[in-house]
Amino acid sequence: PGIYVCAKCGHELFSSRAKYEHSSPWPAFTETIHEDSVAKRKERPGALKVSCGKCGNGLGHEFLNDGPKRGQSRF
């Protein structure tokens, strides 16, 4: 339980309250903790490249419509 932060700068990214079990080997979250927690850019249909909103450190992807509920994203 707690807050997940950027490994490079310590910026708050996700709350454990938004974490859920997914078949991927990485932690999965439904939302960021703050609106400016991450920066996003389109990488391919259905996926956005995600980086830290403060320092730009690469964090992976946001997969659109792949969350636990219909219409939710998965980080």
PDB file of N, CA and C in Angstrom:
ATOM      1  N   PRO A   1       0.830  -1.209   0.000  1.00  0.00           N
ATOM      2  CA  PRO A   1       0.000   0.000   0.000  1.00  0.00           C
ATOM      3  C   PRO A   1       0.866   1.261   0.000  1.00  0.00           C
ATOM      4  N   GLY A   2       0.397   2.272  -0.683  1.00  0.00           N
ATOM      5  CA  GLY A   2       1.124   3.531  -0.695  1.00  0.00           C
ATOM      6  C   GLY A   2       1.119   4.186  -2.052  1.00  0.00           C
ATOM      7  N   ILE A   3       2.130   5.015  -2.273  1.00  0.00           N
ATOM      8  CA  ILE A   3       2.256   5.795  -3.492  1.00  0.00           C
ATOM      9  C   ILE A   3       3.463   5.300  -4.284  1.00  0.00           C
ATOM     10  N   TYR A   4       3.271   5.060  -5.564  1.00  0.00           N
ATOM     11  CA  TYR A   4       4.357   4.686  -6.470  1.00  0.00           C
ATOM     12  C   TYR A   4       4.916   5.972  -7.065  1.00  0.00           C
ATOM     13  N   VAL A   5       6.246   6.107  -7.030  1.00  0.00           N
ATOM     14  CA  VAL A   5       6.905   7.326  -7.493  1.00  0.00           C
ATOM     15  C   VAL A   5       7.900   6.998  -8.601  1.00  0.00           C
ATOM     16  N   CYS A   6       8.296   8.015  -9.330  1.00  0.00           N
ATOM     17  CA  CYS A   6       9.305   7.869 -10.375  1.00  0.00           C
ATOM     18  C   CYS A   6      10.634   7.474  -9.735  1.00  0.00           C
ATOM     19  N   ALA A   7      11.278   6.465 -10.277  1.00  0.00           N
ATOM     20  CA  ALA A   7      12.555   5.995  -9.751  1.00  0.00           C
ATOM     21  C   ALA A   7      13.667   7.019  -9.951  1.00  0.00           C
ATOM     22  N   LYS A   8      13.497   7.908 -10.908  1.00  0.00           N
ATOM     23  CA  LYS A   8      14.544   8.877 -11.216  1.00  0.00           C
ATOM     24  C   LYS A   8      14.426  10.155 -10.381  1.00  0.00           C
ATOM     25  N   CYS A   9      13.191  10.673 -10.201  1.00  0.00           N
ATOM     26  CA  CYS A   9      13.049  11.982  -9.540  1.00  0.00           C
ATOM     27  C   CYS A   9      12.122  11.990  -8.325  1.00  0.00           C
ATOM     28  N   GLY A  10      11.401  10.893  -8.079  1.00  0.00           N
ATOM     29  CA  GLY A  10      10.516  10.822  -6.922  1.00  0.00           C
ATOM     30  C   GLY A  10       9.140  11.428  -7.116  1.00  0.00           C
ATOM     31  N   HIS A  11       8.799  11.851  -8.325  1.00  0.00           N
ATOM     32  CA  HIS A  11       7.482  12.440  -8.621  1.00  0.00           C
ATOM     33  C   HIS A  11       6.395  11.390  -8.414  1.00  0.00           C
ATOM     34  N   GLU A  12       5.293  11.758  -7.758  1.00  0.00           N
ATOM     35  CA  GLU A  12       4.194  10.823  -7.498  1.00  0.00           C
ATOM     36  C   GLU A  12       3.487  10.439  -8.791  1.00  0.00           C
ATOM     37  N   LEU A  13       3.313   9.114  -8.998  1.00  0.00           N
ATOM     38  CA  LEU A  13       2.729   8.609 -10.236  1.00  0.00           C
ATOM     39  C   LEU A  13       1.380   7.926 -10.028  1.00  0.00           C
ATOM     40  N   PHE A  14       1.365   6.899  -9.170  1.00  0.00           N
ATOM     41  CA  PHE A  14       0.169   6.077  -8.992  1.00  0.00           C
ATOM     42  C   PHE A  14      -0.066   5.785  -7.516  1.00  0.00           C
ATOM     43  N   SER A  15      -1.321   5.589  -7.148  1.00  0.00           N
ATOM     44  CA  SER A  15      -1.682   5.143  -5.806  1.00  0.00           C
ATOM     45  C   SER A  15      -1.941   3.641  -5.849  1.00  0.00           C
ATOM     46  N   SER A  16      -1.617   2.967  -4.770  1.00  0.00           N
ATOM     47  CA  SER A  16      -1.902   1.529  -4.710  1.00  0.00           C
ATOM     48  C   SER A  16      -3.407   1.265  -4.802  1.00  0.00           C
ATOM     49  N   ARG A  17      -4.238   2.267  -4.509  1.00  0.00           N
ATOM     50  CA  ARG A  17      -5.696   2.107  -4.639  1.00  0.00           C
ATOM     51  C   ARG A  17      -6.123   1.915  -6.092  1.00  0.00           C
ATOM     52  N   ALA A  18      -5.296   2.351  -7.042  1.00  0.00           N
ATOM     53  CA  ALA A  18      -5.606   2.213  -8.469  1.00  0.00           C
ATOM     54  C   ALA A  18      -4.941   0.979  -9.075  1.00  0.00           C
ATOM     55  N   LYS A  19      -4.228   0.197  -8.255  1.00  0.00           N
ATOM     56  CA  LYS A  19      -3.529  -0.991  -8.737  1.00  0.00           C
ATOM     57  C   LYS A  19      -4.486  -2.181  -8.776  1.00  0.00           C
ATOM     58  N   TYR A  20      -4.307  -3.041  -9.780  1.00  0.00           N
ATOM     59  CA  TYR A  20      -5.127  -4.244  -9.875  1.00  0.00           C
ATOM     60  C   TYR A  20      -4.332  -5.374 -10.508  1.00  0.00           C
ATOM     61  N   GLU A  21      -4.807  -6.577 -10.339  1.00  0.00           N
ATOM     62  CA  GLU A  21      -4.148  -7.756 -10.900  1.00  0.00           C
ATOM     63  C   GLU A  21      -4.424  -7.836 -12.395  1.00  0.00           C
ATOM     64  N   HIS A  22      -3.367  -8.061 -13.163  1.00  0.00           N
ATOM     65  CA  HIS A  22      -3.474  -8.196 -14.617  1.00  0.00           C
ATOM     66  C   HIS A  22      -2.554  -9.326 -15.031  1.00  0.00           C
ATOM     67  N   SER A  23      -2.793  -9.883 -16.195  1.00  0.00           N
ATOM     68  CA  SER A  23      -1.989 -11.023 -16.654  1.00  0.00           C
ATOM     69  C   SER A  23      -0.560 -10.638 -17.037  1.00  0.00           C
ATOM     70  N   SER A  24      -0.281  -9.338 -17.177  1.00  0.00           N
ATOM     71  CA  SER A  24       1.089  -8.921 -17.507  1.00  0.00           C
ATOM     72  C   SER A  24       1.970  -9.078 -16.267  1.00  0.00           C
ATOM     73  N   PRO A  25       3.280  -9.210 -16.463  1.00  0.00           N
ATOM     74  CA  PRO A  25       4.181  -9.356 -15.316  1.00  0.00           C
ATOM     75  C   PRO A  25       4.464  -8.032 -14.586  1.00  0.00           C
ATOM     76  N   TRP A  26       3.980  -6.907 -15.106  1.00  0.00           N
ATOM     77  CA  TRP A  26       4.229  -5.599 -14.515  1.00  0.00           C
ATOM     78  C   TRP A  26       3.020  -5.139 -13.718  1.00  0.00           C
ATOM     79  N   PRO A  27       3.228  -4.233 -12.758  1.00  0.00           N
ATOM     80  CA  PRO A  27       2.079  -3.675 -12.027  1.00  0.00           C
ATOM     81  C   PRO A  27       1.128  -2.985 -13.002  1.00  0.00           C
ATOM     82  N   ALA A  28      -0.154  -3.075 -12.746  1.00  0.00           N
ATOM     83  CA  ALA A  28      -1.164  -2.449 -13.603  1.00  0.00           C
ATOM     84  C   ALA A  28      -1.997  -1.473 -12.768  1.00  0.00           C
ATOM     85  N   PHE A  29      -2.249  -0.304 -13.334  1.00  0.00           N
ATOM     86  CA  PHE A  29      -3.015   0.737 -12.657  1.00  0.00           C
ATOM     87  C   PHE A  29      -4.099   1.261 -13.591  1.00  0.00           C
ATOM     88  N   THR A  30      -5.209   1.730 -13.010  1.00  0.00           N
ATOM     89  CA  THR A  30      -6.298   2.269 -13.813  1.00  0.00           C
ATOM     90  C   THR A  30      -6.189   3.772 -14.030  1.00  0.00           C
ATOM     91  N   GLU A  31      -5.447   4.459 -13.147  1.00  0.00           N
ATOM     92  CA  GLU A  31      -5.338   5.912 -13.267  1.00  0.00           C
ATOM     93  C   GLU A  31      -4.089   6.422 -12.562  1.00  0.00           C
ATOM     94  N   THR A  32      -3.692   7.629 -12.916  1.00  0.00           N
ATOM     95  CA  THR A  32      -2.558   8.274 -12.262  1.00  0.00           C
ATOM     96  C   THR A  32      -3.049   8.951 -10.986  1.00  0.00           C
ATOM     97  N   ILE A  33      -2.117   9.289 -10.117  1.00  0.00           N
ATOM     98  CA  ILE A  33      -2.496   9.917  -8.851  1.00  0.00           C
ATOM     99  C   ILE A  33      -2.836  11.401  -9.023  1.00  0.00           C
ATOM    100  N   HIS A  34      -2.153  12.086  -9.942  1.00  0.00           N
ATOM    101  CA  HIS A  34      -2.407  13.492 -10.245  1.00  0.00           C
ATOM    102  C   HIS A  34      -2.552  13.636 -11.759  1.00  0.00           C
ATOM    103  N   GLU A  35      -3.228  14.676 -12.171  1.00  0.00           N
ATOM    104  CA  GLU A  35      -3.404  14.902 -13.606  1.00  0.00           C
ATOM    105  C   GLU A  35      -2.063  15.083 -14.320  1.00  0.00           C
ATOM    106  N   ASP A  36      -1.090  15.682 -13.628  1.00  0.00           N
ATOM    107  CA  ASP A  36       0.218  15.926 -14.239  1.00  0.00           C
ATOM    108  C   ASP A  36       1.268  14.874 -13.863  1.00  0.00           C
ATOM    109  N   SER A  37       0.842  13.736 -13.338  1.00  0.00           N
ATOM    110  CA  SER A  37       1.783  12.685 -12.936  1.00  0.00           C
ATOM    111  C   SER A  37       2.582  12.150 -14.105  1.00  0.00           C
ATOM    112  N   VAL A  38       1.933  12.035 -15.253  1.00  0.00           N
ATOM    113  CA  VAL A  38       2.606  11.484 -16.426  1.00  0.00           C
ATOM    114  C   VAL A  38       2.356  12.349 -17.656  1.00  0.00           C
ATOM    115  N   ALA A  39       3.248  12.218 -18.620  1.00  0.00           N
ATOM    116  CA  ALA A  39       3.073  12.805 -19.945  1.00  0.00           C
ATOM    117  C   ALA A  39       2.814  11.648 -20.897  1.00  0.00           C
ATOM    118  N   LYS A  40       1.979  11.882 -21.915  1.00  0.00           N
ATOM    119  CA  LYS A  40       1.608  10.811 -22.844  1.00  0.00           C
ATOM    120  C   LYS A  40       1.800  11.278 -24.276  1.00  0.00           C
ATOM    121  N   ARG A  41       2.179  10.338 -25.135  1.00  0.00           N
ATOM    122  CA  ARG A  41       2.211  10.619 -26.576  1.00  0.00           C
ATOM    123  C   ARG A  41       1.772   9.353 -27.310  1.00  0.00           C
ATOM    124  N   LYS A  42       1.057   9.552 -28.386  1.00  0.00           N
ATOM    125  CA  LYS A  42       0.552   8.411 -29.149  1.00  0.00           C
ATOM    126  C   LYS A  42       1.713   7.629 -29.743  1.00  0.00           C
ATOM    127  N   GLU A  43       1.701   6.325 -29.539  1.00  0.00           N
ATOM    128  CA  GLU A  43       2.742   5.477 -30.105  1.00  0.00           C
ATOM    129  C   GLU A  43       2.189   4.600 -31.216  1.00  0.00           C
ATOM    130  N   ARG A  44       1.015   4.039 -30.990  1.00  0.00           N
ATOM    131  CA  ARG A  44       0.352   3.199 -31.988  1.00  0.00           C
ATOM    132  C   ARG A  44      -1.125   3.153 -31.620  1.00  0.00           C
ATOM    133  N   PRO A  45      -1.987   2.679 -32.500  1.00  0.00           N
ATOM    134  CA  PRO A  45      -3.412   2.609 -32.155  1.00  0.00           C
ATOM    135  C   PRO A  45      -3.621   1.796 -30.878  1.00  0.00           C
ATOM    136  N   GLY A  46      -4.339   2.395 -29.937  1.00  0.00           N
ATOM    137  CA  GLY A  46      -4.659   1.707 -28.695  1.00  0.00           C
ATOM    138  C   GLY A  46      -3.596   1.780 -27.626  1.00  0.00           C
ATOM    139  N   ALA A  47      -2.474   2.473 -27.884  1.00  0.00           N
ATOM    140  CA  ALA A  47      -1.402   2.556 -26.882  1.00  0.00           C
ATOM    141  C   ALA A  47      -0.714   3.914 -26.927  1.00  0.00           C
ATOM    142  N   LEU A  48      -0.494   4.471 -25.752  1.00  0.00           N
ATOM    143  CA  LEU A  48       0.222   5.724 -25.609  1.00  0.00           C
ATOM    144  C   LEU A  48       1.521   5.462 -24.860  1.00  0.00           C
ATOM    145  N   LYS A  49       2.594   6.103 -25.273  1.00  0.00           N
ATOM    146  CA  LYS A  49       3.873   6.025 -24.565  1.00  0.00           C
ATOM    147  C   LYS A  49       3.748   6.960 -23.361  1.00  0.00           C
ATOM    148  N   VAL A  50       4.137   6.469 -22.178  1.00  0.00           N
ATOM    149  CA  VAL A  50       3.982   7.227 -20.942  1.00  0.00           C
ATOM    150  C   VAL A  50       5.348   7.504 -20.328  1.00  0.00           C
ATOM    151  N   SER A  51       5.534   8.743 -19.881  1.00  0.00           N
ATOM    152  CA  SER A  51       6.768   9.119 -19.190  1.00  0.00           C
ATOM    153  C   SER A  51       6.418   9.962 -17.973  1.00  0.00           C
ATOM    154  N   CYS A  52       7.360  10.089 -17.067  1.00  0.00           N
ATOM    155  CA  CYS A  52       7.165  10.893 -15.869  1.00  0.00           C
ATOM    156  C   CYS A  52       6.815  12.323 -16.267  1.00  0.00           C
ATOM    157  N   GLY A  53       5.803  12.880 -15.632  1.00  0.00           N
ATOM    158  CA  GLY A  53       5.381  14.235 -15.944  1.00  0.00           C
ATOM    159  C   GLY A  53       6.351  15.304 -15.485  1.00  0.00           C
ATOM    160  N   LYS A  54       7.305  14.944 -14.647  1.00  0.00           N
ATOM    161  CA  LYS A  54       8.277  15.923 -14.154  1.00  0.00           C
ATOM    162  C   LYS A  54       9.617  15.835 -14.879  1.00  0.00           C
ATOM    163  N   CYS A  55      10.201  14.633 -14.960  1.00  0.00           N
ATOM    164  CA  CYS A  55      11.561  14.511 -15.515  1.00  0.00           C
ATOM    165  C   CYS A  55      11.624  13.815 -16.878  1.00  0.00           C
ATOM    166  N   GLY A  56      10.513  13.212 -17.327  1.00  0.00           N
ATOM    167  CA  GLY A  56      10.501  12.567 -18.636  1.00  0.00           C
ATOM    168  C   GLY A  56      10.990  11.128 -18.651  1.00  0.00           C
ATOM    169  N   ASN A  57      11.295  10.560 -17.492  1.00  0.00           N
ATOM    170  CA  ASN A  57      11.742   9.174 -17.400  1.00  0.00           C
ATOM    171  C   ASN A  57      10.682   8.240 -18.006  1.00  0.00           C
ATOM    172  N   GLY A  58      11.081   7.316 -18.861  1.00  0.00           N
ATOM    173  CA  GLY A  58      10.151   6.394 -19.501  1.00  0.00           C
ATOM    174  C   GLY A  58       9.507   5.444 -18.508  1.00  0.00           C
ATOM    175  N   LEU A  59       8.181   5.300 -18.601  1.00  0.00           N
ATOM    176  CA  LEU A  59       7.428   4.465 -17.665  1.00  0.00           C
ATOM    177  C   LEU A  59       6.705   3.303 -18.333  1.00  0.00           C
ATOM    178  N   GLY A  60       6.657   3.287 -19.635  1.00  0.00           N
ATOM    179  CA  GLY A  60       5.946   2.215 -20.323  1.00  0.00           C
ATOM    180  C   GLY A  60       4.809   2.756 -21.161  1.00  0.00           C
ATOM    181  N   HIS A  61       3.622   2.154 -21.012  1.00  0.00           N
ATOM    182  CA  HIS A  61       2.494   2.497 -21.875  1.00  0.00           C
ATOM    183  C   HIS A  61       1.184   2.635 -21.111  1.00  0.00           C
ATOM    184  N   GLU A  62       0.255   3.339 -21.746  1.00  0.00           N
ATOM    185  CA  GLU A  62      -1.146   3.320 -21.345  1.00  0.00           C
ATOM    186  C   GLU A  62      -1.865   2.583 -22.461  1.00  0.00           C
ATOM    187  N   PHE A  63      -2.505   1.486 -22.118  1.00  0.00           N
ATOM    188  CA  PHE A  63      -3.258   0.708 -23.096  1.00  0.00           C
ATOM    189  C   PHE A  63      -4.724   1.088 -22.973  1.00  0.00           C
ATOM    190  N   LEU A  64      -5.240   1.702 -24.020  1.00  0.00           N
ATOM    191  CA  LEU A  64      -6.605   2.215 -24.013  1.00  0.00           C
ATOM    192  C   LEU A  64      -7.615   1.078 -24.051  1.00  0.00           C
ATOM    193  N   ASN A  65      -8.657   1.207 -23.260  1.00  0.00           N
ATOM    194  CA  ASN A  65      -9.748   0.222 -23.204  1.00  0.00           C
ATOM    195  C   ASN A  65      -9.256  -1.179 -22.844  1.00  0.00           C
ATOM    196  N   ASP A  66      -8.237  -1.269 -21.998  1.00  0.00           N
ATOM    197  CA  ASP A  66      -7.710  -2.566 -21.576  1.00  0.00           C
ATOM    198  C   ASP A  66      -7.699  -2.689 -20.048  1.00  0.00           C
ATOM    199  N   GLY A  67      -8.473  -1.842 -19.382  1.00  0.00           N
ATOM    200  CA  GLY A  67      -8.553  -1.884 -17.922  1.00  0.00           C
ATOM    201  C   GLY A  67      -9.536  -2.938 -17.443  1.00  0.00           C
ATOM    202  N   PRO A  68      -9.728  -3.006 -16.132  1.00  0.00           N
ATOM    203  CA  PRO A  68     -10.608  -4.029 -15.572  1.00  0.00           C
ATOM    204  C   PRO A  68     -12.089  -3.796 -15.876  1.00  0.00           C
ATOM    205  N   LYS A  69     -12.454  -2.535 -16.193  1.00  0.00           N
ATOM    206  CA  LYS A  69     -13.843  -2.211 -16.538  1.00  0.00           C
ATOM    207  C   LYS A  69     -13.908  -1.678 -17.960  1.00  0.00           C
ATOM    208  N   ARG A  70     -15.013  -1.846 -18.606  1.00  0.00           N
ATOM    209  CA  ARG A  70     -15.210  -1.372 -19.962  1.00  0.00           C
ATOM    210  C   ARG A  70     -14.897   0.124 -20.060  1.00  0.00           C
ATOM    211  N   GLY A  71     -14.071   0.494 -21.029  1.00  0.00           N
ATOM    212  CA  GLY A  71     -13.713   1.882 -21.256  1.00  0.00           C
ATOM    213  C   GLY A  71     -12.543   2.385 -20.432  1.00  0.00           C
ATOM    214  N   GLN A  72     -12.041   1.596 -19.480  1.00  0.00           N
ATOM    215  CA  GLN A  72     -10.899   2.004 -18.664  1.00  0.00           C
ATOM    216  C   GLN A  72      -9.585   1.697 -19.360  1.00  0.00           C
ATOM    217  N   SER A  73      -8.597   2.506 -19.070  1.00  0.00           N
ATOM    218  CA  SER A  73      -7.257   2.256 -19.576  1.00  0.00           C
ATOM    219  C   SER A  73      -6.449   1.478 -18.551  1.00  0.00           C
ATOM    220  N   ARG A  74      -5.330   0.936 -19.023  1.00  0.00           N
ATOM    221  CA  ARG A  74      -4.392   0.227 -18.135  1.00  0.00           C
ATOM    222  C   ARG A  74      -3.023   0.864 -18.319  1.00  0.00           C
ATOM    223  N   PHE A  75      -2.438   1.296 -17.201  1.00  0.00           N
ATOM    224  CA  PHE A  75      -1.068   1.808 -17.207  1.00  0.00           C
ATOM    225  C   PHE A  75      -0.148   0.700 -16.784  1.00  0.00           C
TER     226      PHE A  75
END
